[in-house]
Amino acid sequence: MKKLYIGFFSLLAICIGIGMFYFSFYRQDKMEFPKDVTMETAWGKPYSFRNMEPKVRLLEFVYTNCPDICPSTSFQMKQLKERLEKDGLFKNKVEFITITIDPTRDTQQVMQTYANMFGVESDDEGWIFLRGSEEDTKKVADAFDFLYRDPGNGMLIHTTLTYFLDENNRVIATFGMGEKGFDKEKVYKEIVKEAK
């Protein structure tokens, strides 16, 4: 009986290890921007994922009606941006991307207003705010295993992850969202380590 328990727990440990590897490394390594998608910036310019400059990127998915997690994450990203600008890394070596998961409500004008809330006044500042068709939005979100749905009241339920990509646009880390989930100091250290 003791051997049976040892065998069972050994098998369980192996399965847990495989699961952790899959979710932490293998699945993460497969995440990338779909090359056939072009979205629109908050200022109406096309933004293609096909020929992106080699930069370290922090990606967040939001919807502008979100009452807490999305604006809280964007605000912390604004603070990161200011810190990275002082380091001389932002825009040249580091880019932020914010994609709305609610493109019907988040029109170009709404996205501009949202960008302005975080001190971004144009597409040329190193922080790109994007919207696309429902189909393209889903395609990009699916590529990062970012899940979302509208229960019918406009308050979307969604995954609470941000994605950190290296210069080859490979996801090398994921971080939480919101005031408690997004560890700004940890994110800053990871960005600086990768960008220098």
N, C-alpha and C. Protein backbone atom coordinates (compact mmCIF):
# COMPACT_ATOMS: atom_id res chain seq x y z
N MET A 1 0.82 -1.20 0.00
CA MET A 1 0.00 0.00 0.00
C MET A 1 0.86 1.27 0.00
N LYS A 2 1.97 1.22 0.78
CA LYS A 2 2.87 2.36 0.84
C LYS A 2 3.47 2.64 -0.53
N LYS A 3 3.84 1.58 -1.28
CA LYS A 3 4.40 1.75 -2.62
C LYS A 3 3.37 2.37 -3.56
N LEU A 4 2.12 2.01 -3.37
CA LEU A 4 1.05 2.57 -4.20
C LEU A 4 0.93 4.08 -3.98
N TYR A 5 0.98 4.50 -2.71
CA TYR A 5 0.93 5.93 -2.39
C TYR A 5 2.13 6.67 -2.98
N ILE A 6 3.31 6.09 -2.82
CA ILE A 6 4.53 6.71 -3.35
C ILE A 6 4.44 6.83 -4.87
N GLY A 7 3.97 5.76 -5.51
CA GLY A 7 3.82 5.78 -6.97
C GLY A 7 2.82 6.84 -7.41
N PHE A 8 1.68 6.92 -6.70
CA PHE A 8 0.63 7.88 -7.04
C PHE A 8 1.16 9.31 -6.90
N PHE A 9 1.81 9.63 -5.78
CA PHE A 9 2.30 10.99 -5.55
C PHE A 9 3.47 11.34 -6.48
N SER A 10 4.27 10.35 -6.85
CA SER A 10 5.34 10.60 -7.83
C SER A 10 4.75 10.96 -9.18
N LEU A 11 3.72 10.20 -9.59
CA LEU A 11 3.04 10.47 -10.86
C LEU A 11 2.36 11.84 -10.83
N LEU A 12 1.74 12.15 -9.71
CA LEU A 12 1.08 13.45 -9.55
C LEU A 12 2.09 14.59 -9.65
N ALA A 13 3.25 14.44 -9.02
CA ALA A 13 4.31 15.46 -9.08
C ALA A 13 4.80 15.66 -10.51
N ILE A 14 4.96 14.56 -11.25
CA ILE A 14 5.40 14.65 -12.65
C ILE A 14 4.36 15.39 -13.48
N CYS A 15 3.08 15.04 -13.30
CA CYS A 15 2.00 15.70 -14.05
C CYS A 15 1.94 17.19 -13.74
N ILE A 16 2.09 17.54 -12.48
CA ILE A 16 2.08 18.95 -12.10
C ILE A 16 3.26 19.67 -12.74
N GLY A 17 4.42 19.04 -12.73
CA GLY A 17 5.61 19.63 -13.35
C GLY A 17 5.42 19.87 -14.84
N ILE A 18 4.84 18.87 -15.53
CA ILE A 18 4.58 19.00 -16.98
C ILE A 18 3.59 20.14 -17.22
N GLY A 19 2.55 20.20 -16.38
CA GLY A 19 1.55 21.26 -16.51
C GLY A 19 2.16 22.63 -16.32
N MET A 20 3.01 22.75 -15.31
CA MET A 20 3.66 24.04 -15.05
C MET A 20 4.56 24.43 -16.22
N PHE A 21 5.29 23.47 -16.77
CA PHE A 21 6.15 23.76 -17.92
C PHE A 21 5.31 24.23 -19.10
N TYR A 22 4.19 23.53 -19.36
CA TYR A 22 3.33 23.88 -20.48
C TYR A 22 2.80 25.30 -20.34
N PHE A 23 2.24 25.62 -19.17
CA PHE A 23 1.62 26.92 -18.98
C PHE A 23 2.65 28.04 -18.84
N SER A 24 3.82 27.74 -18.31
CA SER A 24 4.82 28.78 -18.07
C SER A 24 5.72 29.04 -19.27
N PHE A 25 6.07 28.01 -20.00
CA PHE A 25 7.07 28.17 -21.06
C PHE A 25 6.55 27.82 -22.44
N TYR A 26 6.05 26.60 -22.62
CA TYR A 26 5.68 26.13 -23.95
C TYR A 26 4.56 26.98 -24.54
N ARG A 27 3.47 27.12 -23.82
CA ARG A 27 2.33 27.89 -24.32
C ARG A 27 2.73 29.34 -24.52
N GLN A 28 3.45 29.90 -23.57
CA GLN A 28 3.90 31.28 -23.64
C GLN A 28 4.78 31.51 -24.87
N ASP A 29 5.63 30.53 -25.20
CA ASP A 29 6.53 30.64 -26.33
C ASP A 29 5.78 30.68 -27.66
N LYS A 30 4.55 30.16 -27.68
CA LYS A 30 3.76 30.11 -28.91
C LYS A 30 2.94 31.38 -29.13
N MET A 31 2.91 32.27 -28.13
CA MET A 31 2.13 33.51 -28.26
C MET A 31 2.88 34.51 -29.14
N GLU A 32 2.18 35.05 -30.12
CA GLU A 32 2.77 36.10 -30.96
C GLU A 32 1.68 36.87 -31.68
N PHE A 33 2.02 38.07 -32.12
CA PHE A 33 1.06 38.88 -32.87
C PHE A 33 0.76 38.21 -34.20
N PRO A 34 -0.52 38.12 -34.59
CA PRO A 34 -0.84 37.56 -35.91
C PRO A 34 -0.35 38.51 -37.01
N LYS A 35 0.45 37.99 -37.91
CA LYS A 35 1.08 38.83 -38.95
C LYS A 35 0.07 39.38 -39.97
N ASP A 36 -1.10 38.73 -40.07
CA ASP A 36 -2.08 39.15 -41.08
C ASP A 36 -3.08 40.19 -40.55
N VAL A 37 -2.83 40.71 -39.35
CA VAL A 37 -3.76 41.68 -38.77
C VAL A 37 -3.17 43.08 -38.81
N THR A 38 -3.98 44.02 -39.28
CA THR A 38 -3.65 45.44 -39.21
C THR A 38 -4.77 46.11 -38.43
N MET A 39 -4.40 46.85 -37.40
CA MET A 39 -5.39 47.57 -36.60
C MET A 39 -5.26 49.06 -36.86
N GLU A 40 -6.09 49.83 -36.18
CA GLU A 40 -6.09 51.28 -36.34
C GLU A 40 -5.69 51.93 -35.02
N THR A 41 -4.81 52.92 -35.11
CA THR A 41 -4.40 53.63 -33.89
C THR A 41 -5.50 54.60 -33.46
N ALA A 42 -5.34 55.14 -32.27
CA ALA A 42 -6.31 56.12 -31.76
C ALA A 42 -6.36 57.38 -32.61
N TRP A 43 -5.34 57.59 -33.44
CA TRP A 43 -5.31 58.75 -34.33
C TRP A 43 -5.56 58.34 -35.78
N GLY A 44 -6.09 57.14 -35.98
CA GLY A 44 -6.56 56.74 -37.30
C GLY A 44 -5.53 56.17 -38.25
N LYS A 45 -4.31 55.93 -37.79
CA LYS A 45 -3.29 55.37 -38.68
C LYS A 45 -3.34 53.84 -38.64
N PRO A 46 -3.03 53.18 -39.76
CA PRO A 46 -2.97 51.72 -39.73
C PRO A 46 -1.72 51.25 -38.97
N TYR A 47 -1.87 50.18 -38.20
CA TYR A 47 -0.75 49.61 -37.45
C TYR A 47 -0.71 48.12 -37.74
N SER A 48 0.33 47.70 -38.44
CA SER A 48 0.47 46.29 -38.83
C SER A 48 1.42 45.56 -37.88
N PHE A 49 1.09 44.33 -37.60
CA PHE A 49 1.96 43.50 -36.77
C PHE A 49 3.00 42.76 -37.61
N ARG A 50 3.00 43.00 -38.92
CA ARG A 50 3.90 42.26 -39.80
C ARG A 50 5.35 42.70 -39.69
N ASN A 51 5.61 44.00 -39.77
CA ASN A 51 6.99 44.50 -39.77
C ASN A 51 7.23 45.44 -38.60
N MET A 52 7.19 44.90 -37.41
CA MET A 52 7.38 45.73 -36.21
C MET A 52 8.87 45.92 -35.94
N GLU A 53 9.24 47.15 -35.58
CA GLU A 53 10.63 47.42 -35.23
C GLU A 53 11.03 46.56 -34.02
N PRO A 54 12.29 46.14 -33.96
CA PRO A 54 12.72 45.37 -32.79
C PRO A 54 12.78 46.25 -31.53
N LYS A 55 11.78 46.07 -30.68
CA LYS A 55 11.71 46.79 -29.41
C LYS A 55 11.16 45.84 -28.37
N VAL A 56 11.46 46.12 -27.12
CA VAL A 56 10.84 45.41 -26.01
C VAL A 56 9.45 46.01 -25.86
N ARG A 57 8.43 45.15 -25.65
CA ARG A 57 7.05 45.65 -25.61
C ARG A 57 6.29 45.14 -24.39
N LEU A 58 5.43 46.01 -23.89
CA LEU A 58 4.49 45.64 -22.84
C LEU A 58 3.11 45.80 -23.45
N LEU A 59 2.34 44.71 -23.45
CA LEU A 59 1.02 44.67 -24.09
C LEU A 59 -0.07 44.52 -23.05
N GLU A 60 -1.09 45.37 -23.16
CA GLU A 60 -2.27 45.23 -22.31
C GLU A 60 -3.52 45.25 -23.19
N PHE A 61 -4.52 44.48 -22.79
CA PHE A 61 -5.84 44.51 -23.40
C PHE A 61 -6.77 45.20 -22.40
N VAL A 62 -7.59 46.14 -22.88
CA VAL A 62 -8.48 46.91 -22.00
C VAL A 62 -9.82 47.12 -22.70
N TYR A 63 -10.76 47.66 -21.94
CA TYR A 63 -11.92 48.32 -22.52
C TYR A 63 -12.15 49.58 -21.69
N THR A 64 -12.50 50.66 -22.36
CA THR A 64 -12.46 51.96 -21.69
C THR A 64 -13.56 52.16 -20.66
N ASN A 65 -14.63 51.36 -20.71
CA ASN A 65 -15.69 51.44 -19.70
C ASN A 65 -15.35 50.68 -18.44
N CYS A 66 -14.23 50.00 -18.42
CA CYS A 66 -13.82 49.18 -17.28
C CYS A 66 -13.75 50.08 -16.03
N PRO A 67 -14.39 49.66 -14.93
CA PRO A 67 -14.43 50.52 -13.76
C PRO A 67 -13.18 50.49 -12.88
N ASP A 68 -12.30 49.50 -13.05
CA ASP A 68 -11.18 49.42 -12.10
C ASP A 68 -9.89 48.87 -12.69
N ILE A 69 -9.85 47.60 -13.03
CA ILE A 69 -8.60 46.93 -13.38
C ILE A 69 -7.89 47.56 -14.59
N CYS A 70 -8.64 47.84 -15.65
CA CYS A 70 -8.01 48.39 -16.86
C CYS A 70 -7.39 49.77 -16.64
N PRO A 71 -8.18 50.75 -16.15
CA PRO A 71 -7.55 52.08 -15.95
C PRO A 71 -6.44 52.07 -14.90
N SER A 72 -6.58 51.20 -13.90
CA SER A 72 -5.53 51.11 -12.87
C SER A 72 -4.22 50.62 -13.50
N THR A 73 -4.32 49.61 -14.37
CA THR A 73 -3.13 49.09 -15.04
C THR A 73 -2.53 50.15 -15.96
N SER A 74 -3.38 50.81 -16.74
CA SER A 74 -2.90 51.86 -17.65
C SER A 74 -2.23 53.00 -16.88
N PHE A 75 -2.77 53.35 -15.72
CA PHE A 75 -2.17 54.41 -14.91
C PHE A 75 -0.78 54.00 -14.43
N GLN A 76 -0.64 52.75 -14.01
CA GLN A 76 0.68 52.28 -13.57
C GLN A 76 1.66 52.22 -14.75
N MET A 77 1.14 51.89 -15.94
CA MET A 77 1.98 51.91 -17.13
C MET A 77 2.43 53.34 -17.44
N LYS A 78 1.56 54.32 -17.21
CA LYS A 78 1.94 55.73 -17.38
C LYS A 78 3.12 56.08 -16.47
N GLN A 79 3.06 55.62 -15.23
CA GLN A 79 4.15 55.88 -14.28
C GLN A 79 5.44 55.17 -14.73
N LEU A 80 5.29 53.95 -15.27
CA LEU A 80 6.45 53.23 -15.81
C LEU A 80 7.05 53.99 -16.99
N LYS A 81 6.17 54.47 -17.86
CA LYS A 81 6.62 55.23 -19.03
C LYS A 81 7.47 56.42 -18.61
N GLU A 82 7.00 57.16 -17.61
CA GLU A 82 7.73 58.34 -17.14
C GLU A 82 9.11 57.95 -16.60
N ARG A 83 9.16 56.86 -15.90
CA ARG A 83 10.42 56.39 -15.33
C ARG A 83 11.38 55.92 -16.44
N LEU A 84 10.83 55.22 -17.42
CA LEU A 84 11.65 54.71 -18.53
C LEU A 84 12.11 55.85 -19.45
N GLU A 85 11.33 56.91 -19.53
CA GLU A 85 11.76 58.09 -20.29
C GLU A 85 12.97 58.73 -19.63
N LYS A 86 12.98 58.80 -18.32
CA LYS A 86 14.14 59.35 -17.59
C LYS A 86 15.38 58.50 -17.83
N ASP A 87 15.17 57.18 -18.00
CA ASP A 87 16.29 56.26 -18.27
C ASP A 87 16.74 56.32 -19.73
N GLY A 88 15.99 57.04 -20.57
CA GLY A 88 16.32 57.12 -21.99
C GLY A 88 15.98 55.86 -22.77
N LEU A 89 15.09 55.03 -22.23
CA LEU A 89 14.74 53.75 -22.88
C LEU A 89 13.41 53.79 -23.62
N PHE A 90 12.49 54.61 -23.11
CA PHE A 90 11.14 54.58 -23.69
C PHE A 90 11.13 55.17 -25.09
N LYS A 91 10.35 54.59 -25.94
CA LYS A 91 10.17 54.94 -27.35
C LYS A 91 11.28 54.37 -28.22
N ASN A 92 12.54 54.58 -27.83
CA ASN A 92 13.65 54.06 -28.64
C ASN A 92 13.79 52.55 -28.51
N LYS A 93 13.75 52.05 -27.28
CA LYS A 93 13.95 50.62 -27.05
C LYS A 93 12.73 49.92 -26.46
N VAL A 94 11.80 50.70 -25.92
CA VAL A 94 10.62 50.14 -25.24
C VAL A 94 9.36 50.77 -25.82
N GLU A 95 8.37 49.93 -26.09
CA GLU A 95 7.08 50.41 -26.60
C GLU A 95 5.96 49.75 -25.80
N PHE A 96 4.92 50.52 -25.52
CA PHE A 96 3.71 49.97 -24.90
C PHE A 96 2.62 49.88 -25.96
N ILE A 97 1.82 48.83 -25.86
CA ILE A 97 0.68 48.66 -26.76
C ILE A 97 -0.56 48.38 -25.92
N THR A 98 -1.60 49.16 -26.16
CA THR A 98 -2.89 48.97 -25.51
C THR A 98 -3.91 48.68 -26.59
N ILE A 99 -4.59 47.54 -26.48
CA ILE A 99 -5.60 47.13 -27.46
C ILE A 99 -6.95 47.02 -26.78
N THR A 100 -7.96 47.69 -27.35
CA THR A 100 -9.30 47.56 -26.80
C THR A 100 -9.93 46.22 -27.22
N ILE A 101 -10.64 45.62 -26.27
CA ILE A 101 -11.38 44.38 -26.56
C ILE A 101 -12.85 44.71 -26.78
N ASP A 102 -13.17 46.00 -26.86
CA ASP A 102 -14.55 46.47 -27.07
C ASP A 102 -14.58 47.50 -28.19
N PRO A 103 -14.19 47.08 -29.43
CA PRO A 103 -14.03 48.07 -30.50
C PRO A 103 -15.32 48.75 -30.95
N THR A 104 -16.47 48.14 -30.69
CA THR A 104 -17.74 48.76 -31.08
C THR A 104 -17.97 50.03 -30.27
N ARG A 105 -17.80 49.96 -28.97
CA ARG A 105 -17.98 51.13 -28.11
C ARG A 105 -16.74 52.02 -28.09
N ASP A 106 -15.57 51.39 -28.16
CA ASP A 106 -14.32 52.16 -28.11
C ASP A 106 -13.93 52.62 -29.50
N THR A 107 -14.62 53.67 -29.94
CA THR A 107 -14.35 54.26 -31.25
C THR A 107 -12.97 54.93 -31.24
N GLN A 108 -12.58 55.41 -32.40
CA GLN A 108 -11.30 56.11 -32.49
C GLN A 108 -11.26 57.29 -31.53
N GLN A 109 -12.34 58.08 -31.45
CA GLN A 109 -12.37 59.23 -30.56
C GLN A 109 -12.30 58.81 -29.09
N VAL A 110 -13.00 57.73 -28.75
CA VAL A 110 -12.97 57.24 -27.37
C VAL A 110 -11.56 56.78 -27.00
N MET A 111 -10.88 56.11 -27.94
CA MET A 111 -9.51 55.65 -27.69
C MET A 111 -8.55 56.83 -27.54
N GLN A 112 -8.79 57.89 -28.31
CA GLN A 112 -7.97 59.10 -28.16
C GLN A 112 -8.14 59.70 -26.76
N THR A 113 -9.39 59.77 -26.32
CA THR A 113 -9.68 60.32 -24.99
C THR A 113 -9.03 59.47 -23.91
N TYR A 114 -9.09 58.14 -24.08
CA TYR A 114 -8.47 57.23 -23.10
C TYR A 114 -6.95 57.44 -23.09
N ALA A 115 -6.35 57.55 -24.27
CA ALA A 115 -4.90 57.78 -24.36
C ALA A 115 -4.52 59.10 -23.69
N ASN A 116 -5.32 60.14 -23.93
CA ASN A 116 -5.06 61.45 -23.33
C ASN A 116 -5.06 61.40 -21.81
N MET A 117 -5.93 60.53 -21.24
CA MET A 117 -5.99 60.39 -19.77
C MET A 117 -4.64 59.96 -19.20
N PHE A 118 -3.84 59.30 -20.02
CA PHE A 118 -2.55 58.79 -19.55
C PHE A 118 -1.38 59.55 -20.16
N GLY A 119 -1.68 60.76 -20.62
CA GLY A 119 -0.63 61.67 -21.08
C GLY A 119 -0.13 61.42 -22.48
N VAL A 120 -0.86 60.62 -23.27
CA VAL A 120 -0.44 60.33 -24.64
C VAL A 120 -1.28 61.17 -25.60
N GLU A 121 -0.59 61.97 -26.42
CA GLU A 121 -1.27 62.93 -27.31
C GLU A 121 -1.15 62.58 -28.79
N SER A 122 -0.36 61.54 -29.12
CA SER A 122 -0.20 61.17 -30.53
C SER A 122 0.32 59.74 -30.64
N ASP A 123 0.42 59.26 -31.87
CA ASP A 123 0.93 57.91 -32.13
C ASP A 123 2.46 57.83 -32.02
N ASP A 124 3.12 58.97 -31.91
CA ASP A 124 4.57 59.01 -32.01
C ASP A 124 5.29 59.08 -30.67
N GLU A 125 4.62 58.66 -29.60
CA GLU A 125 5.21 58.80 -28.27
C GLU A 125 5.68 57.49 -27.66
N GLY A 126 5.56 56.41 -28.42
CA GLY A 126 6.03 55.12 -27.90
C GLY A 126 4.98 54.30 -27.19
N TRP A 127 3.76 54.83 -27.10
CA TRP A 127 2.65 54.08 -26.52
C TRP A 127 1.51 54.12 -27.53
N ILE A 128 1.23 52.97 -28.11
CA ILE A 128 0.25 52.87 -29.19
C ILE A 128 -1.07 52.34 -28.64
N PHE A 129 -2.16 53.04 -28.92
CA PHE A 129 -3.51 52.61 -28.53
C PHE A 129 -4.22 52.14 -29.79
N LEU A 130 -4.68 50.88 -29.78
CA LEU A 130 -5.21 50.25 -30.99
C LEU A 130 -6.65 49.76 -30.84
N ARG A 131 -7.34 49.78 -31.96
CA ARG A 131 -8.66 49.16 -32.08
C ARG A 131 -8.73 48.49 -33.44
N GLY A 132 -9.55 47.47 -33.54
CA GLY A 132 -9.71 46.77 -34.81
C GLY A 132 -11.12 46.25 -34.93
N SER A 133 -11.37 45.48 -35.96
CA SER A 133 -12.69 44.86 -36.10
C SER A 133 -12.87 43.84 -34.97
N GLU A 134 -14.10 43.43 -34.76
CA GLU A 134 -14.37 42.40 -33.74
C GLU A 134 -13.56 41.14 -34.07
N GLU A 135 -13.53 40.79 -35.34
CA GLU A 135 -12.82 39.57 -35.77
C GLU A 135 -11.31 39.67 -35.53
N ASP A 136 -10.72 40.80 -35.92
CA ASP A 136 -9.28 40.97 -35.72
C ASP A 136 -8.91 41.08 -34.24
N THR A 137 -9.78 41.74 -33.47
CA THR A 137 -9.54 41.85 -32.03
C THR A 137 -9.50 40.47 -31.40
N LYS A 138 -10.46 39.64 -31.79
CA LYS A 138 -10.51 38.28 -31.24
C LYS A 138 -9.29 37.48 -31.67
N LYS A 139 -8.86 37.68 -32.91
CA LYS A 139 -7.70 36.96 -33.41
C LYS A 139 -6.44 37.30 -32.61
N VAL A 140 -6.26 38.59 -32.31
CA VAL A 140 -5.09 39.01 -31.53
C VAL A 140 -5.19 38.50 -30.09
N ALA A 141 -6.37 38.66 -29.49
CA ALA A 141 -6.57 38.19 -28.11
C ALA A 141 -6.35 36.67 -28.01
N ASP A 142 -6.88 35.94 -28.98
CA ASP A 142 -6.71 34.47 -28.99
C ASP A 142 -5.25 34.08 -29.10
N ALA A 143 -4.48 34.86 -29.85
CA ALA A 143 -3.05 34.56 -30.03
C ALA A 143 -2.30 34.62 -28.70
N PHE A 144 -2.84 35.41 -27.75
CA PHE A 144 -2.21 35.54 -26.43
C PHE A 144 -3.01 34.82 -25.33
N ASP A 145 -3.95 33.99 -25.75
CA ASP A 145 -4.82 33.29 -24.79
C ASP A 145 -5.52 34.26 -23.84
N PHE A 146 -5.84 35.44 -24.35
CA PHE A 146 -6.56 36.44 -23.56
C PHE A 146 -8.05 36.24 -23.81
N LEU A 147 -8.78 35.88 -22.78
CA LEU A 147 -10.20 35.57 -22.91
C LEU A 147 -11.05 36.75 -22.45
N TYR A 148 -12.15 36.99 -23.14
CA TYR A 148 -13.08 38.05 -22.74
C TYR A 148 -14.47 37.75 -23.29
N ARG A 149 -15.47 38.28 -22.60
CA ARG A 149 -16.84 38.17 -23.10
C ARG A 149 -17.70 39.25 -22.47
N ASP A 150 -18.75 39.60 -23.18
CA ASP A 150 -19.70 40.60 -22.69
C ASP A 150 -20.94 39.85 -22.20
N PRO A 151 -21.22 39.89 -20.91
CA PRO A 151 -22.40 39.19 -20.39
C PRO A 151 -23.71 39.88 -20.77
N GLY A 152 -23.62 40.99 -21.50
CA GLY A 152 -24.82 41.67 -21.97
C GLY A 152 -25.05 43.03 -21.34
N ASN A 153 -24.21 43.39 -20.37
CA ASN A 153 -24.40 44.68 -19.71
C ASN A 153 -23.29 45.69 -20.03
N GLY A 154 -22.40 45.33 -20.94
CA GLY A 154 -21.30 46.23 -21.31
C GLY A 154 -20.10 46.17 -20.39
N MET A 155 -20.21 45.45 -19.27
CA MET A 155 -19.10 45.28 -18.35
C MET A 155 -18.41 43.96 -18.69
N LEU A 156 -17.37 44.02 -19.50
CA LEU A 156 -16.73 42.81 -20.01
C LEU A 156 -16.00 42.04 -18.91
N ILE A 157 -16.10 40.74 -19.00
CA ILE A 157 -15.34 39.85 -18.13
C ILE A 157 -14.12 39.44 -18.94
N HIS A 158 -12.93 39.54 -18.34
CA HIS A 158 -11.73 39.25 -19.14
C HIS A 158 -10.58 38.74 -18.28
N THR A 159 -9.62 38.13 -18.97
CA THR A 159 -8.37 37.69 -18.35
C THR A 159 -7.68 38.91 -17.74
N THR A 160 -6.96 38.70 -16.66
CA THR A 160 -6.26 39.84 -16.02
C THR A 160 -4.75 39.65 -16.13
N LEU A 161 -4.26 39.69 -17.37
CA LEU A 161 -2.82 39.55 -17.63
C LEU A 161 -2.33 40.65 -18.56
N THR A 162 -1.10 41.09 -18.35
CA THR A 162 -0.36 41.90 -19.32
C THR A 162 0.79 41.03 -19.81
N TYR A 163 1.32 41.35 -20.98
CA TYR A 163 2.30 40.50 -21.63
C TYR A 163 3.58 41.29 -21.92
N PHE A 164 4.70 40.70 -21.56
CA PHE A 164 6.00 41.32 -21.78
C PHE A 164 6.70 40.56 -22.90
N LEU A 165 7.06 41.27 -23.96
CA LEU A 165 7.65 40.65 -25.15
C LEU A 165 9.06 41.16 -25.37
N ASP A 166 9.93 40.27 -25.85
CA ASP A 166 11.30 40.67 -26.17
C ASP A 166 11.34 41.32 -27.55
N GLU A 167 12.54 41.65 -28.03
CA GLU A 167 12.69 42.34 -29.32
C GLU A 167 12.21 41.51 -30.50
N ASN A 168 12.11 40.20 -30.32
CA ASN A 168 11.61 39.32 -31.38
C ASN A 168 10.11 39.06 -31.24
N ASN A 169 9.46 39.84 -30.36
CA ASN A 169 8.02 39.72 -30.10
C ASN A 169 7.62 38.38 -29.53
N ARG A 170 8.53 37.75 -28.79
CA ARG A 170 8.20 36.52 -28.06
C ARG A 170 7.81 36.91 -26.64
N VAL A 171 6.74 36.33 -26.14
CA VAL A 171 6.33 36.60 -24.76
C VAL A 171 7.34 35.93 -23.83
N ILE A 172 7.97 36.73 -23.00
CA ILE A 172 8.95 36.18 -22.06
C ILE A 172 8.47 36.24 -20.62
N ALA A 173 7.36 36.98 -20.38
CA ALA A 173 6.78 37.03 -19.03
C ALA A 173 5.36 37.55 -19.12
N THR A 174 4.56 37.16 -18.17
CA THR A 174 3.22 37.73 -18.02
C THR A 174 3.12 38.31 -16.62
N PHE A 175 2.36 39.39 -16.52
CA PHE A 175 2.14 40.05 -15.24
C PHE A 175 0.64 40.21 -15.05
N GLY A 176 0.24 40.43 -13.81
CA GLY A 176 -1.17 40.65 -13.52
C GLY A 176 -1.63 42.03 -13.97
N MET A 177 -2.86 42.34 -13.63
CA MET A 177 -3.42 43.65 -13.93
C MET A 177 -4.00 44.23 -12.63
N GLY A 178 -4.26 45.52 -12.66
CA GLY A 178 -4.89 46.16 -11.52
C GLY A 178 -3.89 46.59 -10.46
N GLU A 179 -4.41 47.26 -9.46
CA GLU A 179 -3.56 47.82 -8.41
C GLU A 179 -2.78 46.76 -7.66
N LYS A 180 -3.41 45.62 -7.41
CA LYS A 180 -2.74 44.56 -6.65
C LYS A 180 -2.02 43.56 -7.55
N GLY A 181 -2.53 43.34 -8.75
CA GLY A 181 -1.96 42.32 -9.62
C GLY A 181 -0.75 42.76 -10.42
N PHE A 182 -0.65 44.07 -10.71
CA PHE A 182 0.43 44.59 -11.55
C PHE A 182 1.54 45.13 -10.65
N ASP A 183 2.61 44.36 -10.53
CA ASP A 183 3.73 44.75 -9.67
C ASP A 183 4.66 45.66 -10.46
N LYS A 184 4.43 46.96 -10.35
CA LYS A 184 5.13 47.95 -11.17
C LYS A 184 6.65 47.86 -11.03
N GLU A 185 7.14 47.63 -9.82
CA GLU A 185 8.59 47.56 -9.60
C GLU A 185 9.18 46.33 -10.31
N LYS A 186 8.51 45.22 -10.23
CA LYS A 186 8.96 44.00 -10.90
C LYS A 186 8.95 44.18 -12.41
N VAL A 187 7.87 44.77 -12.93
CA VAL A 187 7.76 45.01 -14.37
C VAL A 187 8.89 45.94 -14.83
N TYR A 188 9.14 47.00 -14.06
CA TYR A 188 10.21 47.94 -14.40
C TYR A 188 11.55 47.23 -14.50
N LYS A 189 11.86 46.42 -13.49
CA LYS A 189 13.15 45.71 -13.48
C LYS A 189 13.29 44.77 -14.67
N GLU A 190 12.20 44.07 -15.02
CA GLU A 190 12.23 43.15 -16.17
C GLU A 190 12.46 43.91 -17.47
N ILE A 191 11.79 45.04 -17.62
CA ILE A 191 11.93 45.85 -18.84
C ILE A 191 13.36 46.36 -18.97
N VAL A 192 13.89 46.92 -17.90
CA VAL A 192 15.26 47.49 -17.94
C VAL A 192 16.26 46.39 -18.25
N LYS A 193 16.11 45.25 -17.62
CA LYS A 193 17.03 44.12 -17.84
C LYS A 193 17.03 43.68 -19.30
N GLU A 194 15.85 43.66 -19.90
CA GLU A 194 15.72 43.19 -21.29
C GLU A 194 16.12 44.26 -22.31
N ALA A 195 15.87 45.54 -21.96
CA ALA A 195 16.08 46.62 -22.93
C ALA A 195 17.53 47.11 -23.00
N LYS A 196 18.33 46.86 -21.95
CA LYS A 196 19.71 47.38 -21.94
C LYS A 196 20.67 46.45 -22.62
